[in-house]
Amino acid sequence: MTSPQLPGQRPDDANAMEVEKDSLPSHVAIIMDGNNRWARARGLSGARGHRAGVEAVRAVIQRAAERGVETLSLFAFSSENWKRPATEVNALMELFLMALKREVKKLHERNIRLSIIGEQRGFSHAIQKHIQRAESLTANNTGMHLVIAANYGGQWDIAQAARRLAEQAVAGEISPSAIDEVQMDQAMSEGAYIPPIDLCIRTSGEQRLSNFMLWQLAYAELHFSPLLWPDFHAEAFDDALADFCRRQRRFGMTDEQLEAQGA
């Protein structure tokens, strides 16, 4: 007797991993790394590497939606990336604006809701305007929630949530004693609720979090892929899902407790 396959998996897929659908992660986050190294290995400019990375983004978004992932978060541009050469930063900003202009309509047609998290005041007026339009256009969509972290840092996210709660406490809107994990969840990412991450993928062989969604990653499973981001497509995403499904998540409990829960 065969086990059920990944949703949408063809029987002849080379990397098929047979798992129950309810064991798949609800929220997958990806630290997309390796565009520059991919370009250098081919004698290309860094901008070409980032453009190649957009193709991987499209493929992964499509596969995540097919697999029934509820939330997909992508680390597009960190608050530390402003330190990169001006030519590369400018190319990234042009690519970001182009994506907001060209890709959002496609997301909307596929019923995908888009949220951009991070310090948006650091972007040009044009980018801020298109972010607002994109979020407004897709706000009522009921399919997968796509979260793009841009000019984002995990420590910044926690600090601004703490500041928001402190301001509410000073104004008498909440009691300091009422501030707990739930209140912090609601205050994170400028009030746009993002659920805990189940699976975090990082590409290019690096094994660090790079200040990405530190609060939401508290109990995430980590998957490190040796592939550079432009080479990370649907099949590699399936491999990461299969890796996740082989793991046992304890959340602080013992094996015996988990077995009793499943009984």
C-alpha atoms as a PDB file:
ATOM      1  CA  MET A   1       0.000   0.000   0.000  1.00  0.00           C
ATOM      2  CA  THR A   2       1.390   3.403  -0.952  1.00  0.00           C
ATOM      3  CA  SER A   3       1.266   6.483   1.237  1.00  0.00           C
ATOM      4  CA  PRO A   4      -0.361   9.711   0.028  1.00  0.00           C
ATOM      5  CA  GLN A   5       1.919  12.046  -1.904  1.00  0.00           C
ATOM      6  CA  LEU A   6       2.622  15.726  -1.542  1.00  0.00           C
ATOM      7  CA  PRO A   7      -0.458  17.602  -2.781  1.00  0.00           C
ATOM      8  CA  GLY A   8      -0.176  17.946  -6.552  1.00  0.00           C
ATOM      9  CA  GLN A   9       2.805  15.572  -6.727  1.00  0.00           C
ATOM     10  CA  ARG A  10       2.972  13.464  -9.869  1.00  0.00           C
ATOM     11  CA  PRO A  11       3.734   9.767  -9.301  1.00  0.00           C
ATOM     12  CA  ASP A  12       6.782  10.000 -11.578  1.00  0.00           C
ATOM     13  CA  ASP A  13       8.361  13.034  -9.885  1.00  0.00           C
ATOM     14  CA  ALA A  14      12.034  12.221  -9.343  1.00  0.00           C
ATOM     15  CA  ASN A  15      12.107  13.719  -5.852  1.00  0.00           C
ATOM     16  CA  ALA A  16       8.685  12.557  -4.711  1.00  0.00           C
ATOM     17  CA  MET A  17       8.328  12.340  -0.939  1.00  0.00           C
ATOM     18  CA  GLU A  18       5.169  10.643   0.240  1.00  0.00           C
ATOM     19  CA  VAL A  19       3.724  12.438   3.245  1.00  0.00           C
ATOM     20  CA  GLU A  20       0.390  13.314   4.778  1.00  0.00           C
ATOM     21  CA  LYS A  21      -0.859  16.754   3.818  1.00  0.00           C
ATOM     22  CA  ASP A  22      -1.570  17.716   7.418  1.00  0.00           C
ATOM     23  CA  SER A  23       2.128  17.239   8.260  1.00  0.00           C
ATOM     24  CA  LEU A  24       3.201  19.970   5.831  1.00  0.00           C
ATOM     25  CA  PRO A  25       4.289  23.330   7.252  1.00  0.00           C
ATOM     26  CA  SER A  26       1.680  26.066   7.432  1.00  0.00           C
ATOM     27  CA  HIS A  27       4.225  28.909   7.342  1.00  0.00           C
ATOM     28  CA  VAL A  28       7.417  28.647   5.321  1.00  0.00           C
ATOM     29  CA  ALA A  29      10.019  31.424   5.419  1.00  0.00           C
ATOM     30  CA  ILE A  30      12.992  31.685   3.075  1.00  0.00           C
ATOM     31  CA  ILE A  31      16.257  33.592   3.397  1.00  0.00           C
ATOM     32  CA  MET A  32      17.096  33.967  -0.284  1.00  0.00           C
ATOM     33  CA  ASP A  33      20.895  34.007  -0.537  1.00  0.00           C
ATOM     34  CA  GLY A  34      23.442  33.550  -3.299  1.00  0.00           C
ATOM     35  CA  ASN A  35      22.426  35.828  -6.175  1.00  0.00           C
ATOM     36  CA  ASN A  36      25.813  37.565  -6.291  1.00  0.00           C
ATOM     37  CA  ARG A  37      27.804  34.332  -6.126  1.00  0.00           C
ATOM     38  CA  TRP A  38      25.616  32.825  -8.860  1.00  0.00           C
ATOM     39  CA  ALA A  39      26.370  35.810 -11.095  1.00  0.00           C
ATOM     40  CA  ARG A  40      30.115  35.894 -10.361  1.00  0.00           C
ATOM     41  CA  ALA A  41      30.435  32.200 -11.211  1.00  0.00           C
ATOM     42  CA  ARG A  42      29.059  33.049 -14.662  1.00  0.00           C
ATOM     43  CA  GLY A  43      31.010  36.244 -15.194  1.00  0.00           C
ATOM     44  CA  LEU A  44      27.855  38.337 -14.890  1.00  0.00           C
ATOM     45  CA  SER A  45      26.985  41.477 -12.969  1.00  0.00           C
ATOM     46  CA  GLY A  46      25.325  41.312  -9.560  1.00  0.00           C
ATOM     47  CA  ALA A  47      22.211  42.860 -11.105  1.00  0.00           C
ATOM     48  CA  ARG A  48      21.934  39.881 -13.468  1.00  0.00           C
ATOM     49  CA  GLY A  49      22.089  37.573 -10.483  1.00  0.00           C
ATOM     50  CA  HIS A  50      19.255  39.381  -8.748  1.00  0.00           C
ATOM     51  CA  ARG A  51      17.152  39.248 -11.931  1.00  0.00           C
ATOM     52  CA  ALA A  52      17.783  35.501 -12.130  1.00  0.00           C
ATOM     53  CA  GLY A  53      16.666  35.291  -8.514  1.00  0.00           C
ATOM     54  CA  VAL A  54      13.268  36.701  -9.493  1.00  0.00           C
ATOM     55  CA  GLU A  55      12.648  33.595 -11.602  1.00  0.00           C
ATOM     56  CA  ALA A  56      13.266  31.428  -8.536  1.00  0.00           C
ATOM     57  CA  VAL A  57      10.849  33.588  -6.557  1.00  0.00           C
ATOM     58  CA  ARG A  58       8.119  32.998  -9.134  1.00  0.00           C
ATOM     59  CA  ALA A  59       8.702  29.244  -9.150  1.00  0.00           C
ATOM     60  CA  VAL A  60       8.696  28.933  -5.356  1.00  0.00           C
ATOM     61  CA  ILE A  61       5.563  31.071  -4.932  1.00  0.00           C
ATOM     62  CA  GLN A  62       3.721  28.886  -7.424  1.00  0.00           C
ATOM     63  CA  ARG A  63       4.869  25.636  -5.812  1.00  0.00           C
ATOM     64  CA  ALA A  64       4.107  26.844  -2.279  1.00  0.00           C
ATOM     65  CA  ALA A  65       0.571  27.756  -3.327  1.00  0.00           C
ATOM     66  CA  GLU A  66       0.153  24.367  -5.031  1.00  0.00           C
ATOM     67  CA  ARG A  67       1.289  22.571  -1.888  1.00  0.00           C
ATOM     68  CA  GLY A  68      -1.231  24.396   0.295  1.00  0.00           C
ATOM     69  CA  VAL A  69       1.265  26.531   2.252  1.00  0.00           C
ATOM     70  CA  GLU A  70      -0.806  29.158   4.062  1.00  0.00           C
ATOM     71  CA  THR A  71       1.938  31.754   4.566  1.00  0.00           C
ATOM     72  CA  LEU A  72       5.149  32.176   2.576  1.00  0.00           C
ATOM     73  CA  SER A  73       7.627  34.787   3.823  1.00  0.00           C
ATOM     74  CA  LEU A  74      10.601  35.861   1.708  1.00  0.00           C
ATOM     75  CA  PHE A  75      13.577  37.901   2.931  1.00  0.00           C
ATOM     76  CA  ALA A  76      14.110  40.236  -0.019  1.00  0.00           C
ATOM     77  CA  PHE A  77      16.206  43.080   1.415  1.00  0.00           C
ATOM     78  CA  SER A  78      17.553  43.441   4.931  1.00  0.00           C
ATOM     79  CA  SER A  79      18.080  46.709   6.761  1.00  0.00           C
ATOM     80  CA  GLU A  80      21.818  45.921   6.613  1.00  0.00           C
ATOM     81  CA  ASN A  81      21.809  45.600   2.813  1.00  0.00           C
ATOM     82  CA  TRP A  82      22.007  49.374   2.423  1.00  0.00           C
ATOM     83  CA  LYS A  83      25.730  48.924   3.177  1.00  0.00           C
ATOM     84  CA  ARG A  84      26.245  47.215  -0.184  1.00  0.00           C
ATOM     85  CA  PRO A  85      27.720  49.117  -3.179  1.00  0.00           C
ATOM     86  CA  ALA A  86      25.403  51.894  -4.381  1.00  0.00           C
ATOM     87  CA  THR A  87      25.169  50.400  -7.869  1.00  0.00           C
ATOM     88  CA  GLU A  88      23.877  47.116  -6.461  1.00  0.00           C
ATOM     89  CA  VAL A  89      21.417  48.820  -4.097  1.00  0.00           C
ATOM     90  CA  ASN A  90      20.073  50.965  -6.945  1.00  0.00           C
ATOM     91  CA  ALA A  91      19.653  47.867  -9.130  1.00  0.00           C
ATOM     92  CA  LEU A  92      17.788  46.121  -6.309  1.00  0.00           C
ATOM     93  CA  MET A  93      15.459  49.090  -5.849  1.00  0.00           C
ATOM     94  CA  GLU A  94      14.730  49.189  -9.591  1.00  0.00           C
ATOM     95  CA  LEU A  95      14.012  45.452  -9.534  1.00  0.00           C
ATOM     96  CA  PHE A  96      11.750  45.821  -6.494  1.00  0.00           C
ATOM     97  CA  LEU A  97       9.758  48.602  -8.169  1.00  0.00           C
ATOM     98  CA  MET A  98       9.474  46.611 -11.392  1.00  0.00           C
ATOM     99  CA  ALA A  99       8.192  43.586  -9.467  1.00  0.00           C
ATOM    100  CA  LEU A 100       5.588  45.712  -7.697  1.00  0.00           C
ATOM    101  CA  LYS A 101       4.403  47.025 -11.055  1.00  0.00           C
ATOM    102  CA  ARG A 102       4.410  43.746 -13.002  1.00  0.00           C
ATOM    103  CA  GLU A 103       3.941  40.862 -10.592  1.00  0.00           C
ATOM    104  CA  VAL A 104       1.190  42.052  -8.257  1.00  0.00           C
ATOM    105  CA  LYS A 105      -1.595  41.694 -10.803  1.00  0.00           C
ATOM    106  CA  LYS A 106      -0.584  38.062 -11.338  1.00  0.00           C
ATOM    107  CA  LEU A 107      -0.658  37.451  -7.585  1.00  0.00           C
ATOM    108  CA  HIS A 108      -4.091  39.018  -7.389  1.00  0.00           C
ATOM    109  CA  GLU A 109      -5.407  36.821 -10.203  1.00  0.00           C
ATOM    110  CA  ARG A 110      -4.219  33.783  -8.205  1.00  0.00           C
ATOM    111  CA  ASN A 111      -6.019  34.994  -5.051  1.00  0.00           C
ATOM    112  CA  ILE A 112      -2.724  35.577  -3.189  1.00  0.00           C
ATOM    113  CA  ARG A 113      -2.625  38.265  -0.499  1.00  0.00           C
ATOM    114  CA  LEU A 114       0.540  40.352  -0.362  1.00  0.00           C
ATOM    115  CA  SER A 115       2.056  42.105   2.651  1.00  0.00           C
ATOM    116  CA  ILE A 116       5.324  44.054   2.703  1.00  0.00           C
ATOM    117  CA  ILE A 117       6.957  44.295   6.134  1.00  0.00           C
ATOM    118  CA  GLY A 118       9.883  46.473   7.118  1.00  0.00           C
ATOM    119  CA  GLU A 119      10.722  50.159   7.472  1.00  0.00           C
ATOM    120  CA  GLN A 120       9.023  51.484   4.340  1.00  0.00           C
ATOM    121  CA  ARG A 121      10.066  55.101   4.936  1.00  0.00           C
ATOM    122  CA  GLY A 122      13.517  54.106   3.728  1.00  0.00           C
ATOM    123  CA  PHE A 123      12.184  53.568   0.200  1.00  0.00           C
ATOM    124  CA  SER A 124      11.493  56.090  -2.534  1.00  0.00           C
ATOM    125  CA  HIS A 125       8.060  57.676  -2.821  1.00  0.00           C
ATOM    126  CA  ALA A 126       7.363  55.615  -5.941  1.00  0.00           C
ATOM    127  CA  ILE A 127       8.103  52.323  -4.169  1.00  0.00           C
ATOM    128  CA  GLN A 128       6.010  53.320  -1.144  1.00  0.00           C
ATOM    129  CA  LYS A 129       3.103  54.217  -3.425  1.00  0.00           C
ATOM    130  CA  HIS A 130       3.222  50.891  -5.243  1.00  0.00           C
ATOM    131  CA  ILE A 131       3.489  48.984  -1.957  1.00  0.00           C
ATOM    132  CA  GLN A 132       0.280  50.635  -0.788  1.00  0.00           C
ATOM    133  CA  ARG A 133      -1.442  49.856  -4.091  1.00  0.00           C
ATOM    134  CA  ALA A 134      -0.297  46.222  -4.023  1.00  0.00           C
ATOM    135  CA  GLU A 135      -1.473  45.629  -0.471  1.00  0.00           C
ATOM    136  CA  SER A 136      -4.803  47.342  -1.119  1.00  0.00           C
ATOM    137  CA  LEU A 137      -5.407  45.385  -4.323  1.00  0.00           C
ATOM    138  CA  THR A 138      -4.797  41.999  -2.691  1.00  0.00           C
ATOM    139  CA  ALA A 139      -6.120  42.754   0.814  1.00  0.00           C
ATOM    140  CA  ASN A 140      -9.307  40.693   0.469  1.00  0.00           C
ATOM    141  CA  ASN A 141      -7.740  37.686  -1.245  1.00  0.00           C
ATOM    142  CA  THR A 142      -8.272  34.422   0.591  1.00  0.00           C
ATOM    143  CA  GLY A 143      -5.471  32.258  -0.811  1.00  0.00           C
ATOM    144  CA  MET A 144      -1.881  32.046   0.320  1.00  0.00           C
ATOM    145  CA  HIS A 145      -0.464  34.996   2.266  1.00  0.00           C
ATOM    146  CA  LEU A 146       2.805  36.156   0.683  1.00  0.00           C
ATOM    147  CA  VAL A 147       4.954  38.254   3.013  1.00  0.00           C
ATOM    148  CA  ILE A 148       7.911  40.155   1.582  1.00  0.00           C
ATOM    149  CA  ALA A 149      10.416  41.426   4.147  1.00  0.00           C
ATOM    150  CA  ALA A 150      12.108  44.501   2.670  1.00  0.00           C
ATOM    151  CA  ASN A 151      14.295  46.952   4.583  1.00  0.00           C
ATOM    152  CA  TYR A 152      13.577  44.574   7.426  1.00  0.00           C
ATOM    153  CA  GLY A 153      15.481  43.396  10.498  1.00  0.00           C
ATOM    154  CA  GLY A 154      14.251  41.030  13.187  1.00  0.00           C
ATOM    155  CA  GLN A 155      15.653  43.127  16.017  1.00  0.00           C
ATOM    156  CA  TRP A 156      13.987  46.225  14.546  1.00  0.00           C
ATOM    157  CA  ASP A 157      10.693  44.330  14.378  1.00  0.00           C
ATOM    158  CA  ILE A 158      10.863  43.366  18.069  1.00  0.00           C
ATOM    159  CA  ALA A 159      11.961  46.862  19.117  1.00  0.00           C
ATOM    160  CA  GLN A 160       9.184  48.645  17.256  1.00  0.00           C
ATOM    161  CA  ALA A 161       6.605  46.233  18.701  1.00  0.00           C
ATOM    162  CA  ALA A 162       7.894  46.930  22.220  1.00  0.00           C
ATOM    163  CA  ARG A 163       7.802  50.667  21.526  1.00  0.00           C
ATOM    164  CA  ARG A 164       4.217  50.459  20.253  1.00  0.00           C
ATOM    165  CA  LEU A 165       3.092  48.577  23.359  1.00  0.00           C
ATOM    166  CA  ALA A 166       4.945  51.024  25.619  1.00  0.00           C
ATOM    167  CA  GLU A 167       3.177  53.955  23.961  1.00  0.00           C
ATOM    168  CA  GLN A 168      -0.181  52.246  24.463  1.00  0.00           C
ATOM    169  CA  ALA A 169       0.639  51.633  28.127  1.00  0.00           C
ATOM    170  CA  VAL A 170       1.652  55.270  28.680  1.00  0.00           C
ATOM    171  CA  ALA A 171      -1.611  56.375  27.037  1.00  0.00           C
ATOM    172  CA  GLY A 172      -3.558  54.122  29.389  1.00  0.00           C
ATOM    173  CA  GLU A 173      -4.867  51.938  26.535  1.00  0.00           C
ATOM    174  CA  ILE A 174      -3.361  48.753  27.990  1.00  0.00           C
ATOM    175  CA  SER A 175      -1.941  47.714  31.343  1.00  0.00           C
ATOM    176  CA  PRO A 176       1.779  46.864  31.432  1.00  0.00           C
ATOM    177  CA  SER A 177       0.868  43.669  33.282  1.00  0.00           C
ATOM    178  CA  ALA A 178      -1.261  42.613  30.294  1.00  0.00           C
ATOM    179  CA  ILE A 179       1.692  42.597  27.899  1.00  0.00           C
ATOM    180  CA  ASP A 180       2.485  38.994  27.010  1.00  0.00           C
ATOM    181  CA  GLU A 181       3.437  36.873  24.006  1.00  0.00           C
ATOM    182  CA  VAL A 182      -0.002  37.345  22.433  1.00  0.00           C
ATOM    183  CA  GLN A 183       0.240  41.130  22.723  1.00  0.00           C
ATOM    184  CA  MET A 184       3.714  41.047  21.190  1.00  0.00           C
ATOM    185  CA  ASP A 185       2.472  38.886  18.326  1.00  0.00           C
ATOM    186  CA  GLN A 186      -0.205  41.431  17.541  1.00  0.00           C
ATOM    187  CA  ALA A 187       2.222  44.356  17.696  1.00  0.00           C
ATOM    188  CA  MET A 188       4.857  42.797  15.441  1.00  0.00           C
ATOM    189  CA  SER A 189       5.393  43.863  11.837  1.00  0.00           C
ATOM    190  CA  GLU A 190       3.367  47.034  12.207  1.00  0.00           C
ATOM    191  CA  GLY A 191       0.281  45.136  13.327  1.00  0.00           C
ATOM    192  CA  ALA A 192       0.140  42.760  10.323  1.00  0.00           C
ATOM    193  CA  TYR A 193      -0.235  39.398  12.072  1.00  0.00           C
ATOM    194  CA  ILE A 194       2.250  36.816  10.871  1.00  0.00           C
ATOM    195  CA  PRO A 195       1.967  33.344  12.395  1.00  0.00           C
ATOM    196  CA  PRO A 196       4.908  31.432  13.871  1.00  0.00           C
ATOM    197  CA  ILE A 197       7.239  30.004  11.246  1.00  0.00           C
ATOM    198  CA  ASP A 198       7.184  26.221  10.881  1.00  0.00           C
ATOM    199  CA  LEU A 199      10.011  25.870   8.370  1.00  0.00           C
ATOM    200  CA  CYS A 200      12.811  28.310   7.577  1.00  0.00           C
ATOM    201  CA  ILE A 201      14.896  27.660   4.461  1.00  0.00           C
ATOM    202  CA  ARG A 202      18.220  29.321   3.759  1.00  0.00           C
ATOM    203  CA  THR A 203      19.996  28.865   0.458  1.00  0.00           C
ATOM    204  CA  SER A 204      23.658  29.081  -0.654  1.00  0.00           C
ATOM    205  CA  GLY A 205      25.060  26.855   2.102  1.00  0.00           C
ATOM    206  CA  GLU A 206      25.199  29.602   4.732  1.00  0.00           C
ATOM    207  CA  GLN A 207      23.890  28.577   8.160  1.00  0.00           C
ATOM    208  CA  ARG A 208      22.732  31.691   9.994  1.00  0.00           C
ATOM    209  CA  LEU A 209      19.512  33.655  10.484  1.00  0.00           C
ATOM    210  CA  SER A 210      20.881  37.083   9.493  1.00  0.00           C
ATOM    211  CA  ASN A 211      18.447  38.985  11.720  1.00  0.00           C
ATOM    212  CA  PHE A 212      15.361  37.558   9.965  1.00  0.00           C
ATOM    213  CA  MET A 213      12.018  37.226  11.808  1.00  0.00           C
ATOM    214  CA  LEU A 214      13.694  36.348  15.103  1.00  0.00           C
ATOM    215  CA  TRP A 215      10.447  36.379  17.091  1.00  0.00           C
ATOM    216  CA  GLN A 216       8.515  34.224  14.625  1.00  0.00           C
ATOM    217  CA  LEU A 217      11.396  31.737  14.278  1.00  0.00           C
ATOM    218  CA  ALA A 218      11.281  30.664  17.929  1.00  0.00           C
ATOM    219  CA  TYR A 219      10.321  27.031  17.181  1.00  0.00           C
ATOM    220  CA  ALA A 220      10.990  26.820  13.460  1.00  0.00           C
ATOM    221  CA  GLU A 221      12.681  23.864  11.824  1.00  0.00           C
ATOM    222  CA  LEU A 222      15.729  24.993   9.839  1.00  0.00           C
ATOM    223  CA  HIS A 223      16.655  23.684   6.397  1.00  0.00           C
ATOM    224  CA  PHE A 224      19.942  24.770   4.828  1.00  0.00           C
ATOM    225  CA  SER A 225      20.268  24.207   1.090  1.00  0.00           C
ATOM    226  CA  PRO A 226      23.644  24.294  -0.706  1.00  0.00           C
ATOM    227  CA  LEU A 227      21.943  25.713  -3.808  1.00  0.00           C
ATOM    228  CA  LEU A 228      22.432  29.353  -4.708  1.00  0.00           C
ATOM    229  CA  TRP A 229      19.086  31.125  -4.789  1.00  0.00           C
ATOM    230  CA  PRO A 230      18.691  31.382  -8.613  1.00  0.00           C
ATOM    231  CA  ASP A 231      19.117  27.576  -8.745  1.00  0.00           C
ATOM    232  CA  PHE A 232      16.497  26.947  -6.048  1.00  0.00           C
ATOM    233  CA  HIS A 233      13.273  26.036  -7.841  1.00  0.00           C
ATOM    234  CA  ALA A 234      10.146  23.970  -7.234  1.00  0.00           C
ATOM    235  CA  GLU A 235      11.920  20.630  -6.825  1.00  0.00           C
ATOM    236  CA  ALA A 236      14.289  22.030  -4.194  1.00  0.00           C
ATOM    237  CA  PHE A 237      11.312  23.498  -2.365  1.00  0.00           C
ATOM    238  CA  ASP A 238       9.698  20.050  -2.343  1.00  0.00           C
ATOM    239  CA  ASP A 239      12.918  18.597  -0.934  1.00  0.00           C
ATOM    240  CA  ALA A 240      12.750  21.088   1.937  1.00  0.00           C
ATOM    241  CA  LEU A 241       9.114  20.176   2.621  1.00  0.00           C
ATOM    242  CA  ALA A 242      10.018  16.495   2.646  1.00  0.00           C
ATOM    243  CA  ASP A 243      12.877  17.181   5.071  1.00  0.00           C
ATOM    244  CA  PHE A 244      10.443  19.009   7.364  1.00  0.00           C
ATOM    245  CA  CYS A 245       7.965  16.130   7.277  1.00  0.00           C
ATOM    246  CA  ARG A 246      10.629  13.660   8.424  1.00  0.00           C
ATOM    247  CA  ARG A 247      11.247  15.596  11.638  1.00  0.00           C
ATOM    248  CA  GLN A 248       9.539  15.287  15.011  1.00  0.00           C
ATOM    249  CA  ARG A 249       8.607  18.625  16.544  1.00  0.00           C
ATOM    250  CA  ARG A 250       8.586  18.434  20.354  1.00  0.00           C
ATOM    251  CA  PHE A 251       7.922  22.042  21.461  1.00  0.00           C
ATOM    252  CA  GLY A 252       9.638  21.255  24.774  1.00  0.00           C
ATOM    253  CA  MET A 253       7.851  17.941  25.364  1.00  0.00           C
ATOM    254  CA  THR A 254       9.292  14.435  25.659  1.00  0.00           C
ATOM    255  CA  ASP A 255       8.847  11.596  23.163  1.00  0.00           C
ATOM    256  CA  GLU A 256       6.497   9.890  25.627  1.00  0.00           C
ATOM    257  CA  GLN A 257       4.258  12.958  25.843  1.00  0.00           C
ATOM    258  CA  LEU A 258       4.093  13.240  22.086  1.00  0.00           C
ATOM    259  CA  GLU A 259       3.221   9.560  21.760  1.00  0.00           C
ATOM    260  CA  ALA A 260       0.454   9.981  24.352  1.00  0.00           C
ATOM    261  CA  GLN A 261      -0.957  12.919  22.410  1.00  0.00           C
ATOM    262  CA  GLY A 262      -1.061  10.858  19.253  1.00  0.00           C
ATOM    263  CA  ALA A 263      -2.717   7.921  20.927  1.00  0.00           C
END
